Amino acid sequence: MTKGFIFDLDGTVYLDDEIIEGAAETIQELKARGDKVVFLTNKSISTRADYVKKLNKLGIEVNLNEVINSNFITAKFLKDNLQEGEAALVIGEQPLFEELQEERIPITKDPSKAKYVVLGWDREFSYEKINLAFQAWLNKAKIIATNPDRTCPVKGGEIPDCGAMIGALEGATGERIDSITGKPSKLMAEYVVTKILGLDAASCYMIGDRLETDIKMGNENGLNSVLVLTGITTKEMIGNSVYKPSYVFDSIKGVSSL
């Protein structure tokens, strides 16, 4: 029976620009035995094409159809929900704008004309940007975010991610944002399983280093959840979390046993 393997990237396949030992060999082995592989990332500061280039450079052969990021899913969401004449106000970096524009999503800088506010990871986040988002919210715009990750794992530690942008806006509005388009959303899980892998959820494995995104998405959408300990999460953190993985491995190398 063909299995589907959905791999997170940062902290799972690589850290910064350094591949995690055994990643290329494990992925090659899964493909060689006839299983399907897709790479799934919440990181909104790079395009899908950027990820293809990076993975190929690290020795993992991959094509564009095998990489899905939160920008891509956000564009799909907006395409389905924006009506004629409506637009989105976007807070994020250039790759997010590029991938929304590729899908012909109307973008506005005017908060009074925004039907949606899109929050992405933005390393040049500012008071001016949060005020634009806040003014759009006052004008009844719905707030969506590419991902809820509080931090991103990097070699030697972690740095603030999109969760910081979400926290800033929620602090101003006093309300939770309306939805997340990336992991752990049902939207992302269903798209990858049905549209990309074409398999039943029960025969798919979500592999990642985060309990609150990777493992939560797997558990809530009928996937087998696999935690690797090469990123954010430690064994001690598992015991304190409501999101329990189906499997725990020291690294991606353990996945070949599934």
C-alpha atoms as a PDB file:
ATOM      1  CA  MET A   1       0.000   0.000   0.000  1.00  0.00           C
ATOM      2  CA  THR A   2       1.343   3.402  -0.979  1.00  0.00           C
ATOM      3  CA  LYS A   3       2.022   5.726   1.931  1.00  0.00           C
ATOM      4  CA  GLY A   4       2.253   9.503   1.952  1.00  0.00           C
ATOM      5  CA  PHE A   5       4.955  11.354   3.877  1.00  0.00           C
ATOM      6  CA  ILE A   6       4.476  15.058   4.589  1.00  0.00           C
ATOM      7  CA  PHE A   7       7.704  16.649   5.779  1.00  0.00           C
ATOM      8  CA  ASP A   8       8.071  19.933   7.601  1.00  0.00           C
ATOM      9  CA  LEU A   9      11.329  21.661   6.609  1.00  0.00           C
ATOM     10  CA  ASP A  10      12.955  23.886   9.268  1.00  0.00           C
ATOM     11  CA  GLY A  11      14.060  21.713  12.172  1.00  0.00           C
ATOM     12  CA  THR A  12      13.037  18.527  10.370  1.00  0.00           C
ATOM     13  CA  VAL A  13      14.942  18.352   7.079  1.00  0.00           C
ATOM     14  CA  TYR A  14      17.456  21.137   7.736  1.00  0.00           C
ATOM     15  CA  LEU A  15      18.506  23.896  10.127  1.00  0.00           C
ATOM     16  CA  ASP A  16      19.328  27.158   8.360  1.00  0.00           C
ATOM     17  CA  ASP A  17      21.454  26.038   5.386  1.00  0.00           C
ATOM     18  CA  GLU A  18      22.664  22.798   6.923  1.00  0.00           C
ATOM     19  CA  ILE A  19      20.912  19.523   6.106  1.00  0.00           C
ATOM     20  CA  ILE A  20      20.087  17.242   9.031  1.00  0.00           C
ATOM     21  CA  GLU A  21      22.078  14.025   8.890  1.00  0.00           C
ATOM     22  CA  GLY A  22      20.269  11.280   6.990  1.00  0.00           C
ATOM     23  CA  ALA A  23      17.547  13.493   5.507  1.00  0.00           C
ATOM     24  CA  ALA A  24      18.473  13.080   1.845  1.00  0.00           C
ATOM     25  CA  GLU A  25      18.986   9.321   2.191  1.00  0.00           C
ATOM     26  CA  THR A  26      15.700   8.818   4.065  1.00  0.00           C
ATOM     27  CA  ILE A  27      13.651  10.754   1.515  1.00  0.00           C
ATOM     28  CA  GLN A  28      15.342   8.934  -1.376  1.00  0.00           C
ATOM     29  CA  GLU A  29      14.570   5.581   0.271  1.00  0.00           C
ATOM     30  CA  LEU A  30      10.877   6.429   0.729  1.00  0.00           C
ATOM     31  CA  LYS A  31      10.543   7.444  -2.915  1.00  0.00           C
ATOM     32  CA  ALA A  32      12.448   4.384  -4.109  1.00  0.00           C
ATOM     33  CA  ARG A  33      10.016   2.050  -2.372  1.00  0.00           C
ATOM     34  CA  GLY A  34       7.078   3.748  -4.104  1.00  0.00           C
ATOM     35  CA  ASP A  35       5.796   6.066  -1.384  1.00  0.00           C
ATOM     36  CA  LYS A  36       4.806   9.679  -2.031  1.00  0.00           C
ATOM     37  CA  VAL A  37       6.613  12.635  -0.482  1.00  0.00           C
ATOM     38  CA  VAL A  38       5.606  16.277  -0.098  1.00  0.00           C
ATOM     39  CA  PHE A  39       7.295  19.118   1.767  1.00  0.00           C
ATOM     40  CA  LEU A  40       5.112  21.421   3.812  1.00  0.00           C
ATOM     41  CA  THR A  41       6.276  24.636   5.456  1.00  0.00           C
ATOM     42  CA  ASN A  42       4.628  27.470   7.333  1.00  0.00           C
ATOM     43  CA  LYS A  43       7.507  29.821   6.596  1.00  0.00           C
ATOM     44  CA  SER A  44       6.197  32.745   4.532  1.00  0.00           C
ATOM     45  CA  ILE A  45       9.496  34.541   3.881  1.00  0.00           C
ATOM     46  CA  SER A  46      10.510  32.310   0.945  1.00  0.00           C
ATOM     47  CA  THR A  47       8.664  31.220  -2.198  1.00  0.00           C
ATOM     48  CA  ARG A  48       8.013  27.631  -3.217  1.00  0.00           C
ATOM     49  CA  ALA A  49      10.607  28.069  -5.963  1.00  0.00           C
ATOM     50  CA  ASP A  50      13.132  29.166  -3.305  1.00  0.00           C
ATOM     51  CA  TYR A  51      12.503  25.948  -1.376  1.00  0.00           C
ATOM     52  CA  VAL A  52      12.919  23.797  -4.484  1.00  0.00           C
ATOM     53  CA  LYS A  53      16.257  25.475  -5.169  1.00  0.00           C
ATOM     54  CA  LYS A  54      17.391  25.053  -1.557  1.00  0.00           C
ATOM     55  CA  LEU A  55      16.385  21.385  -1.319  1.00  0.00           C
ATOM     56  CA  ASN A  56      18.059  20.536  -4.612  1.00  0.00           C
ATOM     57  CA  LYS A  57      21.220  22.300  -3.431  1.00  0.00           C
ATOM     58  CA  LEU A  58      21.145  20.208  -0.242  1.00  0.00           C
ATOM     59  CA  GLY A  59      20.969  17.008  -2.323  1.00  0.00           C
ATOM     60  CA  ILE A  60      17.215  16.347  -2.187  1.00  0.00           C
ATOM     61  CA  GLU A  61      15.666  16.096  -5.644  1.00  0.00           C
ATOM     62  CA  VAL A  62      12.297  17.829  -5.629  1.00  0.00           C
ATOM     63  CA  ASN A  63       9.987  19.639  -8.042  1.00  0.00           C
ATOM     64  CA  LEU A  64       7.614  22.537  -7.482  1.00  0.00           C
ATOM     65  CA  ASN A  65       4.540  20.294  -7.119  1.00  0.00           C
ATOM     66  CA  GLU A  66       6.139  18.601  -4.127  1.00  0.00           C
ATOM     67  CA  VAL A  67       6.509  21.810  -2.100  1.00  0.00           C
ATOM     68  CA  ILE A  68       3.584  23.594  -0.450  1.00  0.00           C
ATOM     69  CA  ASN A  69       4.012  26.660   1.727  1.00  0.00           C
ATOM     70  CA  SER A  70       1.616  28.784   3.746  1.00  0.00           C
ATOM     71  CA  ASN A  71       1.702  31.533   1.086  1.00  0.00           C
ATOM     72  CA  PHE A  72       0.300  29.114  -1.482  1.00  0.00           C
ATOM     73  CA  ILE A  73      -2.510  27.959   0.826  1.00  0.00           C
ATOM     74  CA  THR A  74      -3.278  31.569   1.770  1.00  0.00           C
ATOM     75  CA  ALA A  75      -3.657  32.416  -1.917  1.00  0.00           C
ATOM     76  CA  LYS A  76      -6.020  29.455  -2.384  1.00  0.00           C
ATOM     77  CA  PHE A  77      -8.088  30.614   0.599  1.00  0.00           C
ATOM     78  CA  LEU A  78      -8.381  34.176  -0.696  1.00  0.00           C
ATOM     79  CA  LYS A  79      -9.216  32.977  -4.185  1.00  0.00           C
ATOM     80  CA  ASP A  80     -12.149  31.028  -2.751  1.00  0.00           C
ATOM     81  CA  ASN A  81     -13.356  33.776  -0.412  1.00  0.00           C
ATOM     82  CA  LEU A  82     -12.779  37.157  -2.042  1.00  0.00           C
ATOM     83  CA  GLN A  83     -15.689  38.458  -4.072  1.00  0.00           C
ATOM     84  CA  GLU A  84     -15.447  40.643  -7.172  1.00  0.00           C
ATOM     85  CA  GLY A  85     -13.995  44.038  -6.258  1.00  0.00           C
ATOM     86  CA  GLU A  86     -12.667  42.920  -2.864  1.00  0.00           C
ATOM     87  CA  ALA A  87      -8.987  43.023  -1.871  1.00  0.00           C
ATOM     88  CA  ALA A  88      -6.553  42.017   0.870  1.00  0.00           C
ATOM     89  CA  LEU A  89      -4.184  44.190   2.887  1.00  0.00           C
ATOM     90  CA  VAL A  90      -0.957  42.239   3.351  1.00  0.00           C
ATOM     91  CA  ILE A  91       1.624  42.478   6.150  1.00  0.00           C
ATOM     92  CA  GLY A  92       4.647  40.381   5.251  1.00  0.00           C
ATOM     93  CA  GLU A  93       7.764  40.085   3.159  1.00  0.00           C
ATOM     94  CA  GLN A  94       8.190  40.112  -0.620  1.00  0.00           C
ATOM     95  CA  PRO A  95       7.776  36.337  -1.180  1.00  0.00           C
ATOM     96  CA  LEU A  96       4.267  36.501   0.320  1.00  0.00           C
ATOM     97  CA  PHE A  97       3.313  39.371  -1.985  1.00  0.00           C
ATOM     98  CA  GLU A  98       4.817  37.570  -4.982  1.00  0.00           C
ATOM     99  CA  GLU A  99       2.928  34.340  -4.419  1.00  0.00           C
ATOM    100  CA  LEU A 100      -0.376  36.104  -3.823  1.00  0.00           C
ATOM    101  CA  GLN A 101       0.147  38.127  -6.984  1.00  0.00           C
ATOM    102  CA  GLU A 102       0.935  34.951  -8.936  1.00  0.00           C
ATOM    103  CA  GLU A 103      -2.575  33.771  -8.065  1.00  0.00           C
ATOM    104  CA  ARG A 104      -3.958  37.210  -9.032  1.00  0.00           C
ATOM    105  CA  ILE A 105      -5.116  38.102  -5.533  1.00  0.00           C
ATOM    106  CA  PRO A 106      -6.102  41.815  -5.442  1.00  0.00           C
ATOM    107  CA  ILE A 107      -3.919  43.629  -2.882  1.00  0.00           C
ATOM    108  CA  THR A 108      -4.598  47.049  -1.370  1.00  0.00           C
ATOM    109  CA  LYS A 109      -2.655  49.414   0.887  1.00  0.00           C
ATOM    110  CA  ASP A 110      -5.870  51.192   1.889  1.00  0.00           C
ATOM    111  CA  PRO A 111      -7.294  49.764   5.146  1.00  0.00           C
ATOM    112  CA  SER A 112     -10.753  51.093   4.300  1.00  0.00           C
ATOM    113  CA  LYS A 113     -10.824  48.890   1.174  1.00  0.00           C
ATOM    114  CA  ALA A 114      -9.562  45.659   2.693  1.00  0.00           C
ATOM    115  CA  LYS A 115     -11.909  42.698   3.080  1.00  0.00           C
ATOM    116  CA  TYR A 116      -9.100  40.630   4.609  1.00  0.00           C
ATOM    117  CA  VAL A 117      -5.857  41.394   6.396  1.00  0.00           C
ATOM    118  CA  VAL A 118      -3.126  38.814   5.778  1.00  0.00           C
ATOM    119  CA  LEU A 119      -0.452  38.557   8.475  1.00  0.00           C
ATOM    120  CA  GLY A 120       2.797  36.859   7.517  1.00  0.00           C
ATOM    121  CA  TRP A 121       6.204  36.680   9.126  1.00  0.00           C
ATOM    122  CA  ASP A 122       7.718  40.135   8.657  1.00  0.00           C
ATOM    123  CA  ARG A 123      11.258  40.926   9.810  1.00  0.00           C
ATOM    124  CA  GLU A 124      10.592  44.627   9.135  1.00  0.00           C
ATOM    125  CA  PHE A 125       7.376  44.701  11.186  1.00  0.00           C
ATOM    126  CA  SER A 126       6.617  48.220  12.430  1.00  0.00           C
ATOM    127  CA  TYR A 127       4.092  50.390  14.227  1.00  0.00           C
ATOM    128  CA  GLU A 128       2.952  51.716  10.857  1.00  0.00           C
ATOM    129  CA  LYS A 129       2.149  48.203   9.655  1.00  0.00           C
ATOM    130  CA  ILE A 130       0.262  47.181  12.777  1.00  0.00           C
ATOM    131  CA  ASN A 131      -1.733  50.396  12.579  1.00  0.00           C
ATOM    132  CA  LEU A 132      -2.711  49.657   8.959  1.00  0.00           C
ATOM    133  CA  ALA A 133      -3.913  46.210  10.010  1.00  0.00           C
ATOM    134  CA  PHE A 134      -5.723  47.659  13.021  1.00  0.00           C
ATOM    135  CA  GLN A 135      -7.501  50.298  10.922  1.00  0.00           C
ATOM    136  CA  ALA A 136      -8.617  47.601   8.484  1.00  0.00           C
ATOM    137  CA  TRP A 137      -9.969  45.587  11.432  1.00  0.00           C
ATOM    138  CA  LEU A 138     -11.897  48.674  12.605  1.00  0.00           C
ATOM    139  CA  ASN A 139     -13.403  48.705   9.104  1.00  0.00           C
ATOM    140  CA  LYS A 140     -14.605  45.104   9.629  1.00  0.00           C
ATOM    141  CA  ALA A 141     -11.831  43.344   7.708  1.00  0.00           C
ATOM    142  CA  LYS A 142     -11.271  39.712   8.693  1.00  0.00           C
ATOM    143  CA  ILE A 143      -7.789  38.859   9.974  1.00  0.00           C
ATOM    144  CA  ILE A 144      -6.026  35.734   8.713  1.00  0.00           C
ATOM    145  CA  ALA A 145      -2.424  34.641   9.253  1.00  0.00           C
ATOM    146  CA  THR A 146      -0.143  32.422   7.238  1.00  0.00           C
ATOM    147  CA  ASN A 147       0.953  30.531  10.344  1.00  0.00           C
ATOM    148  CA  PRO A 148       0.828  30.638  14.157  1.00  0.00           C
ATOM    149  CA  ASP A 149       4.486  29.728  14.817  1.00  0.00           C
ATOM    150  CA  ARG A 150       5.825  31.792  17.697  1.00  0.00           C
ATOM    151  CA  THR A 151       9.420  31.156  16.677  1.00  0.00           C
ATOM    152  CA  CYS A 152      11.463  29.636  13.864  1.00  0.00           C
ATOM    153  CA  PRO A 153      14.279  27.183  14.668  1.00  0.00           C
ATOM    154  CA  VAL A 154      17.736  28.257  13.499  1.00  0.00           C
ATOM    155  CA  LYS A 155      21.162  26.831  14.118  1.00  0.00           C
ATOM    156  CA  GLY A 156      21.983  27.605  17.736  1.00  0.00           C
ATOM    157  CA  GLY A 157      18.483  28.637  18.808  1.00  0.00           C
ATOM    158  CA  GLU A 158      15.295  30.271  17.537  1.00  0.00           C
ATOM    159  CA  ILE A 159      13.990  33.657  16.370  1.00  0.00           C
ATOM    160  CA  PRO A 160      10.499  35.298  16.464  1.00  0.00           C
ATOM    161  CA  ASP A 161       8.107  34.186  13.716  1.00  0.00           C
ATOM    162  CA  CYS A 162       4.572  35.132  12.612  1.00  0.00           C
ATOM    163  CA  GLY A 163       3.167  34.503  16.087  1.00  0.00           C
ATOM    164  CA  ALA A 164       4.777  37.778  17.112  1.00  0.00           C
ATOM    165  CA  MET A 165       2.796  39.653  14.431  1.00  0.00           C
ATOM    166  CA  ILE A 166      -0.404  37.900  15.504  1.00  0.00           C
ATOM    167  CA  GLY A 167       0.244  38.743  19.158  1.00  0.00           C
ATOM    168  CA  ALA A 168       0.785  42.407  18.363  1.00  0.00           C
ATOM    169  CA  LEU A 169      -2.506  42.742  16.488  1.00  0.00           C
ATOM    170  CA  GLU A 170      -4.475  40.708  19.021  1.00  0.00           C
ATOM    171  CA  GLY A 171      -3.045  42.964  21.690  1.00  0.00           C
ATOM    172  CA  ALA A 172      -4.483  45.972  19.866  1.00  0.00           C
ATOM    173  CA  THR A 173      -7.888  44.496  18.987  1.00  0.00           C
ATOM    174  CA  GLY A 174      -8.464  42.464  22.147  1.00  0.00           C
ATOM    175  CA  GLU A 175      -9.755  39.636  19.936  1.00  0.00           C
ATOM    176  CA  ARG A 176      -8.366  36.460  18.424  1.00  0.00           C
ATOM    177  CA  ILE A 177      -7.657  36.604  14.706  1.00  0.00           C
ATOM    178  CA  ASP A 178     -10.226  34.908  12.467  1.00  0.00           C
ATOM    179  CA  SER A 179      -8.180  32.034  11.046  1.00  0.00           C
ATOM    180  CA  ILE A 180      -4.837  30.440  10.254  1.00  0.00           C
ATOM    181  CA  THR A 181      -4.295  29.200   6.697  1.00  0.00           C
ATOM    182  CA  GLY A 182      -1.094  27.191   7.228  1.00  0.00           C
ATOM    183  CA  LYS A 183      -0.389  24.395   9.702  1.00  0.00           C
ATOM    184  CA  PRO A 184      -2.274  23.241  11.733  1.00  0.00           C
ATOM    185  CA  SER A 185      -5.310  24.231   9.635  1.00  0.00           C
ATOM    186  CA  LYS A 186      -7.756  21.723   8.199  1.00  0.00           C
ATOM    187  CA  LEU A 187      -7.534  23.680   4.945  1.00  0.00           C
ATOM    188  CA  MET A 188      -3.836  22.921   4.539  1.00  0.00           C
ATOM    189  CA  ALA A 189      -4.131  19.303   5.668  1.00  0.00           C
ATOM    190  CA  GLU A 190      -6.978  18.487   3.289  1.00  0.00           C
ATOM    191  CA  TYR A 191      -5.322  20.200   0.321  1.00  0.00           C
ATOM    192  CA  VAL A 192      -2.065  18.298   0.738  1.00  0.00           C
ATOM    193  CA  VAL A 193      -3.668  14.910   1.380  1.00  0.00           C
ATOM    194  CA  THR A 194      -6.355  15.039  -1.312  1.00  0.00           C
ATOM    195  CA  LYS A 195      -4.972  17.340  -4.007  1.00  0.00           C
ATOM    196  CA  ILE A 196      -1.244  16.605  -3.801  1.00  0.00           C
ATOM    197  CA  LEU A 197      -0.891  13.079  -2.422  1.00  0.00           C
ATOM    198  CA  GLY A 198      -4.272  11.712  -3.514  1.00  0.00           C
ATOM    199  CA  LEU A 199      -4.375   9.310  -0.583  1.00  0.00           C
ATOM    200  CA  ASP A 200      -6.494   8.578   2.483  1.00  0.00           C
ATOM    201  CA  ALA A 201      -5.413  10.492   5.568  1.00  0.00           C
ATOM    202  CA  ALA A 202      -4.904   7.242   7.504  1.00  0.00           C
ATOM    203  CA  SER A 203      -2.112   6.193   5.118  1.00  0.00           C
ATOM    204  CA  CYS A 204      -0.259   9.521   5.484  1.00  0.00           C
ATOM    205  CA  TYR A 205       2.344  10.654   8.003  1.00  0.00           C
ATOM    206  CA  MET A 206       2.920  14.246   9.121  1.00  0.00           C
ATOM    207  CA  ILE A 207       6.552  14.604  10.182  1.00  0.00           C
ATOM    208  CA  GLY A 208       7.719  17.708  12.011  1.00  0.00           C
ATOM    209  CA  ASP A 209       9.411  19.222  15.035  1.00  0.00           C
ATOM    210  CA  ARG A 210       6.503  21.234  16.484  1.00  0.00           C
ATOM    211  CA  LEU A 211       3.766  19.884  18.742  1.00  0.00           C
ATOM    212  CA  GLU A 212       1.373  22.831  18.296  1.00  0.00           C
ATOM    213  CA  THR A 213       1.505  22.849  14.473  1.00  0.00           C
ATOM    214  CA  ASP A 214       2.846  19.630  12.914  1.00  0.00           C
ATOM    215  CA  ILE A 215       1.576  17.176  15.512  1.00  0.00           C
ATOM    216  CA  LYS A 216      -1.668  19.043  16.122  1.00  0.00           C
ATOM    217  CA  MET A 217      -2.470  19.097  12.401  1.00  0.00           C
ATOM    218  CA  GLY A 218      -1.735  15.399  12.088  1.00  0.00           C
ATOM    219  CA  ASN A 219      -3.841  14.420  15.080  1.00  0.00           C
ATOM    220  CA  GLU A 220      -6.809  16.625  14.211  1.00  0.00           C
ATOM    221  CA  ASN A 221      -6.988  15.527  10.578  1.00  0.00           C
ATOM    222  CA  GLY A 222      -6.622  11.758  10.812  1.00  0.00           C
ATOM    223  CA  LEU A 223      -2.934  11.617   9.883  1.00  0.00           C
ATOM    224  CA  ASN A 224      -0.254   9.641  11.670  1.00  0.00           C
ATOM    225  CA  SER A 225       1.824  12.239  13.530  1.00  0.00           C
ATOM    226  CA  VAL A 226       5.590  11.876  13.767  1.00  0.00           C
ATOM    227  CA  LEU A 227       7.729  14.099  15.989  1.00  0.00           C
ATOM    228  CA  VAL A 228      11.448  14.526  15.346  1.00  0.00           C
ATOM    229  CA  LEU A 229      13.691  15.951  18.049  1.00  0.00           C
ATOM    230  CA  THR A 230      16.027  17.960  15.814  1.00  0.00           C
ATOM    231  CA  GLY A 231      14.122  21.247  16.040  1.00  0.00           C
ATOM    232  CA  ILE A 232      12.062  23.080  18.659  1.00  0.00           C
ATOM    233  CA  THR A 233      10.640  20.222  20.735  1.00  0.00           C
ATOM    234  CA  THR A 234      12.361  18.185  23.451  1.00  0.00           C
ATOM    235  CA  LYS A 235      11.197  14.904  24.999  1.00  0.00           C
ATOM    236  CA  GLU A 236      10.313  16.775  28.201  1.00  0.00           C
ATOM    237  CA  MET A 237       7.940  19.070  26.308  1.00  0.00           C
ATOM    238  CA  ILE A 238       5.898  16.109  25.033  1.00  0.00           C
ATOM    239  CA  GLY A 239       4.764  15.221  28.539  1.00  0.00           C
ATOM    240  CA  ASN A 240       3.415  18.717  29.138  1.00  0.00           C
ATOM    241  CA  SER A 241       1.565  18.976  25.842  1.00  0.00           C
ATOM    242  CA  VAL A 242      -1.982  17.993  24.907  1.00  0.00           C
ATOM    243  CA  TYR A 243      -0.680  17.139  21.421  1.00  0.00           C
ATOM    244  CA  LYS A 244       0.820  13.653  21.623  1.00  0.00           C
ATOM    245  CA  PRO A 245       2.596  12.286  18.542  1.00  0.00           C
ATOM    246  CA  SER A 246       1.932   8.798  17.204  1.00  0.00           C
ATOM    247  CA  TYR A 247       5.692   8.290  16.852  1.00  0.00           C
ATOM    248  CA  VAL A 248       8.796  10.018  18.213  1.00  0.00           C
ATOM    249  CA  PHE A 249      12.214   9.769  16.546  1.00  0.00           C
ATOM    250  CA  ASP A 250      15.536  11.374  17.358  1.00  0.00           C
ATOM    251  CA  SER A 251      15.740  12.538  13.759  1.00  0.00           C
ATOM    252  CA  ILE A 252      14.284  12.097  10.290  1.00  0.00           C
ATOM    253  CA  LYS A 253      16.333   8.911   9.886  1.00  0.00           C
ATOM    254  CA  GLY A 254      13.751   7.031  11.966  1.00  0.00           C
ATOM    255  CA  VAL A 255      10.997   7.691   9.421  1.00  0.00           C
ATOM    256  CA  SER A 256      12.300   4.990   7.063  1.00  0.00           C
ATOM    257  CA  SER A 257      11.090   2.385   9.586  1.00  0.00           C
ATOM    258  CA  LEU A 258       7.444   3.347   9.045  1.00  0.00           C
END
